[in-house]
Amino acid sequence: MENKTLWESKSLWSAIIIGVAIAVWSSLAIINSTDNLLLCENSACFASFLELFDFPLKVLSAALFIAGFIAVMHRSEQTHQQIEISLKQNAFKNYIDHKAELVEVLIAFEEEYTSEEHVVEIKGKHTLYRKLFPKNSTQYVDFISHADSEEVVFILSMVEEFNKLTDKYNEFGNAYINRNMTPNQYFSRWIAEYLLLSMRLGFFFDTSVQIHSDWSGHLSPDLFKGIPEDIEKHILTFRKLLLELQHFCYPTENERVEIYFPTHYHNMNGLVHLYSQPKNYQSLSP
């Protein structure tokens, strides 16, 4: 970005030099073509001078006006540059502060929900920030979560997917407590989809049970180290993370969407536990 002084402006000097050159040339032409020019000090003589040299004087006035206009524009441009620099500096600071604030929120979340029984961890906090605010940079900051290049708002898509999985989970829960359900490929597929969703947000809950090899076709041990020992607690804690993130992404309440609540608390742990057993293992009662 150029930051020249007014006296370094080519436009200013061009206007002055051209204006003076035309005024001098026209004045010399008037002097050479006019006879009996005399110096005098009365008003009639001065009026005659103004009339005779009307064109050169108007050229000089125009040149000074243009120079003044250029000076005003130069000052305006400098002010604009100063404002732009200030905005970029503010954007850089706001970007760093906003990202740091999210990290603080996530660390506070980890500390609140970690206990002696389990550890809650949000991995890839800076990556998560980029997912939530894909357009933010050191040059531009928006405190409201926005869409990415594919017009998808990450936090809203996560909430929408969580709500769908919660609805399905509640259906499985109704079937299980009515003894109409045993471990099957449909529920194992639900577990896989749910765990993949939580992994996309970097959410890790360290208590898990190992998946039996009979279910490895549905729950790959290469991708999943285990399944939550307490599935309801896992879902409820993950829901609270979504609530925290939605509050951070949308400071005003009217921009947020409802996040569904899982039912059948503690009823489904028996079913989940069966995935650590062979497929022919006796089904446990809810």
Protein backbone atom coordinates (compact mmCIF):
# COMPACT_ATOMS: atom_id res chain seq x y z
CA MET A 1 0.00 0.00 0.00
CA GLU A 2 1.46 3.38 -1.04
CA ASN A 3 1.69 6.08 1.60
CA LYS A 4 3.00 9.15 -0.27
CA THR A 5 2.88 12.68 1.10
CA LEU A 6 0.87 15.37 -0.66
CA TRP A 7 4.01 16.96 -2.10
CA GLU A 8 4.95 13.66 -3.69
CA SER A 9 1.67 13.57 -5.61
CA LYS A 10 2.20 13.69 -9.38
CA SER A 11 -1.38 14.86 -9.92
CA LEU A 12 -0.86 17.89 -7.68
CA TRP A 13 2.30 19.01 -9.41
CA SER A 14 0.84 18.32 -12.86
CA ALA A 15 -2.15 20.57 -12.14
CA ILE A 16 0.06 23.37 -10.79
CA ILE A 17 2.71 23.20 -13.52
CA ILE A 18 0.21 22.96 -16.39
CA GLY A 19 -1.92 25.76 -14.92
CA VAL A 20 1.08 28.08 -14.37
CA ALA A 21 2.51 27.24 -17.80
CA ILE A 22 -0.76 28.10 -19.56
CA ALA A 23 -1.19 31.27 -17.50
CA VAL A 24 2.40 32.43 -18.24
CA TRP A 25 2.12 31.57 -21.94
CA SER A 26 -1.21 33.36 -22.31
CA SER A 27 0.06 36.37 -20.31
CA LEU A 28 3.12 36.69 -22.57
CA ALA A 29 0.88 36.43 -25.61
CA ILE A 30 -1.35 39.23 -24.24
CA ILE A 31 1.66 41.44 -23.46
CA ASN A 32 3.16 40.93 -26.92
CA SER A 33 -0.13 41.68 -28.66
CA THR A 34 -1.04 44.75 -26.61
CA ASP A 35 0.47 48.20 -27.22
CA ASN A 36 1.02 51.00 -24.74
CA LEU A 37 1.05 48.89 -21.55
CA LEU A 38 1.81 51.19 -18.63
CA LEU A 39 2.19 50.68 -14.89
CA CYS A 40 -0.35 52.62 -12.89
CA GLU A 41 -1.87 52.56 -9.42
CA ASN A 42 -5.45 53.81 -9.81
CA SER A 43 -8.67 51.73 -9.80
CA ALA A 44 -9.32 52.21 -13.49
CA CYS A 45 -5.92 50.78 -14.28
CA PHE A 46 -6.50 47.79 -12.00
CA ALA A 47 -9.89 47.12 -13.62
CA SER A 48 -8.27 47.27 -17.02
CA PHE A 49 -5.59 44.79 -15.84
CA LEU A 50 -8.25 42.34 -14.64
CA GLU A 51 -10.10 42.62 -17.93
CA LEU A 52 -6.96 42.25 -20.03
CA PHE A 53 -5.54 39.30 -18.08
CA ASP A 54 -8.91 37.64 -17.42
CA PHE A 55 -7.97 34.33 -19.09
CA PRO A 56 -4.58 33.78 -17.36
CA LEU A 57 -6.12 34.62 -13.99
CA LYS A 58 -8.97 32.17 -14.55
CA VAL A 59 -6.47 29.48 -15.54
CA LEU A 60 -4.49 30.10 -12.34
CA SER A 61 -7.71 30.00 -10.29
CA ALA A 62 -8.72 26.74 -11.95
CA ALA A 63 -5.26 25.26 -11.32
CA LEU A 64 -5.41 26.24 -7.64
CA PHE A 65 -8.94 24.82 -7.37
CA ILE A 66 -7.83 21.53 -8.90
CA ALA A 67 -4.77 21.44 -6.61
CA GLY A 68 -7.02 22.04 -3.61
CA PHE A 69 -9.37 19.28 -4.74
CA ILE A 70 -6.43 16.90 -5.16
CA ALA A 71 -5.26 17.81 -1.64
CA VAL A 72 -8.71 17.01 -0.23
CA MET A 73 -8.83 13.69 -2.09
CA HIS A 74 -5.32 12.83 -0.90
CA ARG A 75 -6.32 13.51 2.69
CA SER A 76 -9.47 11.40 2.23
CA GLU A 77 -7.42 8.54 0.78
CA GLN A 78 -4.99 8.68 3.69
CA THR A 79 -7.90 8.61 6.13
CA HIS A 80 -9.38 5.62 4.30
CA GLN A 81 -6.02 3.82 4.44
CA GLN A 82 -5.72 4.52 8.16
CA ILE A 83 -9.24 3.20 8.75
CA GLU A 84 -8.48 0.10 6.65
CA ILE A 85 -5.29 -0.57 8.61
CA SER A 86 -7.16 -0.11 11.88
CA LEU A 87 -9.94 -2.48 10.76
CA LYS A 88 -7.42 -5.13 9.73
CA GLN A 89 -5.63 -4.81 13.06
CA ASN A 90 -8.98 -5.12 14.86
CA ALA A 91 -9.95 -8.11 12.69
CA PHE A 92 -6.67 -9.84 13.51
CA LYS A 93 -7.13 -9.25 17.25
CA ASN A 94 -10.81 -10.27 17.14
CA TYR A 95 -9.94 -13.47 15.26
CA ILE A 96 -7.29 -14.48 17.79
CA ASP A 97 -9.51 -13.55 20.75
CA HIS A 98 -12.60 -15.27 19.32
CA LYS A 99 -10.72 -18.51 18.68
CA ALA A 100 -9.13 -18.36 22.14
CA GLU A 101 -12.57 -17.82 23.68
CA LEU A 102 -13.91 -20.99 22.05
CA VAL A 103 -10.90 -22.95 23.32
CA GLU A 104 -11.60 -21.63 26.83
CA VAL A 105 -15.26 -22.67 26.56
CA LEU A 106 -14.25 -26.19 25.49
CA ILE A 107 -11.64 -26.53 28.24
CA ALA A 108 -14.23 -25.40 30.82
CA PHE A 109 -16.63 -28.00 29.37
CA GLU A 110 -14.00 -30.74 29.70
CA GLU A 111 -13.30 -29.79 33.32
CA GLU A 112 -17.00 -29.65 34.22
CA TYR A 113 -17.91 -33.06 32.83
CA THR A 114 -14.73 -34.98 33.63
CA SER A 115 -15.03 -37.04 36.80
CA GLU A 116 -13.27 -39.91 38.57
CA GLU A 117 -15.28 -42.37 36.46
CA HIS A 118 -14.53 -40.91 33.05
CA VAL A 119 -12.59 -38.25 31.17
CA VAL A 120 -14.28 -35.98 28.63
CA GLU A 121 -12.01 -34.49 25.98
CA ILE A 122 -12.60 -32.29 22.93
CA LYS A 123 -9.79 -32.98 20.47
CA GLY A 124 -8.83 -30.64 17.63
CA LYS A 125 -10.25 -27.47 19.17
CA HIS A 126 -8.75 -25.15 16.54
CA THR A 127 -9.97 -27.43 13.76
CA LEU A 128 -13.44 -27.32 15.29
CA TYR A 129 -13.31 -23.50 15.24
CA ARG A 130 -12.57 -23.55 11.51
CA LYS A 131 -15.54 -25.85 10.96
CA LEU A 132 -17.85 -23.57 12.95
CA PHE A 133 -16.56 -20.35 11.36
CA PRO A 134 -15.12 -21.35 7.96
CA LYS A 135 -14.96 -17.78 6.61
CA ASN A 136 -13.22 -16.24 9.59
CA SER A 137 -9.58 -15.22 9.18
CA THR A 138 -7.12 -12.60 10.36
CA GLN A 139 -8.71 -10.26 7.79
CA TYR A 140 -12.38 -10.90 8.54
CA VAL A 141 -14.31 -12.03 11.61
CA ASP A 142 -17.99 -12.82 12.05
CA PHE A 143 -19.20 -13.82 15.50
CA ILE A 144 -22.25 -15.59 14.03
CA SER A 145 -21.65 -19.07 12.63
CA HIS A 146 -21.97 -19.09 8.84
CA ALA A 147 -22.09 -21.47 5.91
CA ASP A 148 -19.05 -22.96 4.23
CA SER A 149 -18.33 -23.05 0.49
CA GLU A 150 -21.04 -25.69 0.07
CA GLU A 151 -23.59 -23.48 1.87
CA VAL A 152 -23.72 -25.81 4.88
CA VAL A 153 -23.77 -24.35 8.40
CA PHE A 154 -21.73 -26.89 10.33
CA ILE A 155 -23.30 -26.48 13.78
CA LEU A 156 -26.86 -26.63 12.37
CA SER A 157 -26.05 -29.74 10.34
CA MET A 158 -24.61 -31.39 13.48
CA VAL A 159 -27.73 -30.53 15.52
CA GLU A 160 -30.01 -31.76 12.72
CA GLU A 161 -28.14 -35.07 12.48
CA PHE A 162 -28.11 -35.45 16.28
CA ASN A 163 -31.88 -34.89 16.42
CA LYS A 164 -32.47 -37.54 13.77
CA LEU A 165 -30.27 -40.02 15.64
CA THR A 166 -32.00 -39.16 18.92
CA ASP A 167 -35.42 -39.84 17.40
CA LYS A 168 -34.17 -43.18 16.12
CA TYR A 169 -32.57 -43.97 19.49
CA ASN A 170 -35.87 -43.32 21.24
CA GLU A 171 -37.62 -45.70 18.82
CA PHE A 172 -35.06 -48.39 19.62
CA GLY A 173 -35.57 -47.67 23.31
CA ASN A 174 -39.33 -48.19 23.08
CA ALA A 175 -38.83 -51.49 21.29
CA TYR A 176 -36.19 -52.66 23.77
CA ILE A 177 -38.13 -51.96 26.98
CA ASN A 178 -41.10 -53.78 25.43
CA ARG A 179 -38.81 -56.78 24.85
CA ASN A 180 -39.25 -56.51 21.10
CA MET A 181 -35.61 -55.93 20.32
CA THR A 182 -32.28 -57.74 20.58
CA PRO A 183 -28.84 -56.68 19.26
CA ASN A 184 -29.09 -56.39 15.49
CA GLN A 185 -27.50 -54.77 12.49
CA TYR A 186 -29.87 -51.79 12.63
CA PHE A 187 -28.91 -50.72 16.13
CA SER A 188 -25.21 -51.40 15.51
CA ARG A 189 -25.48 -49.15 12.44
CA TRP A 190 -27.06 -46.49 14.66
CA ILE A 191 -24.18 -46.78 17.15
CA ALA A 192 -21.68 -46.37 14.31
CA GLU A 193 -23.46 -43.28 12.93
CA TYR A 194 -23.72 -41.74 16.38
CA LEU A 195 -20.06 -42.31 17.25
CA LEU A 196 -18.98 -40.91 13.88
CA LEU A 197 -21.05 -37.80 14.58
CA SER A 198 -19.41 -37.29 17.97
CA MET A 199 -15.97 -37.81 16.42
CA ARG A 200 -16.64 -35.05 13.88
CA LEU A 201 -16.85 -32.64 16.82
CA GLY A 202 -13.76 -34.13 18.44
CA PHE A 203 -15.85 -35.45 21.36
CA PHE A 204 -14.23 -38.33 23.25
CA PHE A 205 -15.58 -40.12 26.31
CA ASP A 206 -12.90 -42.47 27.59
CA THR A 207 -15.07 -45.17 29.21
CA SER A 208 -15.98 -47.87 26.72
CA VAL A 209 -16.44 -51.59 26.35
CA GLN A 210 -14.57 -53.58 23.73
CA ILE A 211 -16.58 -54.67 20.72
CA HIS A 212 -16.76 -58.44 20.22
CA SER A 213 -15.31 -59.70 16.95
CA ASP A 214 -18.75 -61.09 15.96
CA TRP A 215 -19.88 -57.46 15.47
CA SER A 216 -16.77 -56.18 13.72
CA GLY A 217 -18.59 -56.10 10.38
CA HIS A 218 -20.96 -53.47 11.79
CA LEU A 219 -18.64 -51.76 14.28
CA SER A 220 -15.14 -51.89 12.84
CA PRO A 221 -12.49 -52.14 15.59
CA ASP A 222 -10.11 -50.23 13.30
CA LEU A 223 -12.41 -47.20 13.51
CA PHE A 224 -14.00 -47.65 16.92
CA LYS A 225 -11.87 -48.63 19.90
CA GLY A 226 -15.04 -49.49 21.80
CA ILE A 227 -18.59 -48.43 22.50
CA PRO A 228 -19.72 -46.26 25.43
CA GLU A 229 -20.20 -48.22 28.62
CA ASP A 230 -22.96 -45.77 29.60
CA ILE A 231 -24.62 -44.82 26.32
CA GLU A 232 -27.16 -42.47 27.89
CA LYS A 233 -24.54 -40.50 29.77
CA HIS A 234 -22.53 -40.30 26.56
CA ILE A 235 -25.52 -38.96 24.63
CA LEU A 236 -26.52 -36.48 27.34
CA THR A 237 -22.99 -35.12 27.65
CA PHE A 238 -22.67 -34.84 23.88
CA ARG A 239 -26.02 -33.01 23.79
CA LYS A 240 -24.68 -30.52 26.35
CA LEU A 241 -21.65 -29.95 24.12
CA LEU A 242 -23.97 -29.16 21.22
CA LEU A 243 -25.86 -26.72 23.45
CA GLU A 244 -22.60 -25.00 24.42
CA LEU A 245 -21.47 -24.75 20.81
CA GLN A 246 -24.83 -23.46 19.64
CA HIS A 247 -24.77 -20.77 22.34
CA PHE A 248 -21.27 -19.77 21.19
CA CYS A 249 -22.21 -19.74 17.50
CA TYR A 250 -25.52 -17.93 18.00
CA PRO A 251 -25.36 -15.44 20.90
CA THR A 252 -29.06 -14.51 20.51
CA GLU A 253 -31.61 -17.16 21.40
CA ASN A 254 -33.92 -16.67 18.39
CA GLU A 255 -31.19 -18.00 16.05
CA ARG A 256 -30.85 -21.33 17.85
CA VAL A 257 -32.73 -24.53 17.10
CA GLU A 258 -34.10 -27.14 19.48
CA ILE A 259 -31.82 -30.02 20.43
CA TYR A 260 -33.78 -33.19 21.21
CA PHE A 261 -33.55 -35.08 24.46
CA PRO A 262 -32.97 -38.86 24.64
CA THR A 263 -35.50 -40.93 26.58
CA HIS A 264 -35.22 -44.28 28.42
CA TYR A 265 -32.31 -43.14 30.55
CA HIS A 266 -30.21 -46.13 31.69
CA ASN A 267 -32.56 -48.59 29.95
CA MET A 268 -30.36 -49.11 26.91
CA ASN A 269 -27.05 -49.90 28.60
CA GLY A 270 -27.94 -53.56 28.75
CA LEU A 271 -28.50 -53.66 25.00
CA VAL A 272 -25.24 -51.81 24.27
CA HIS A 273 -23.37 -54.18 26.59
CA LEU A 274 -24.44 -57.12 24.42
CA TYR A 275 -22.20 -55.85 21.61
CA SER A 276 -19.23 -56.84 23.76
CA GLN A 277 -20.54 -60.43 23.71
CA PRO A 278 -20.88 -63.05 20.94
CA LYS A 279 -23.96 -62.77 18.76
CA ASN A 280 -25.52 -65.87 20.30
CA TYR A 281 -25.12 -64.46 23.83
CA GLN A 282 -28.33 -64.55 25.88
CA SER A 283 -30.16 -61.22 25.64
CA LEU A 284 -30.32 -59.20 28.84
CA SER A 285 -33.51 -57.70 30.14
CA PRO A 286 -33.76 -53.92 30.04
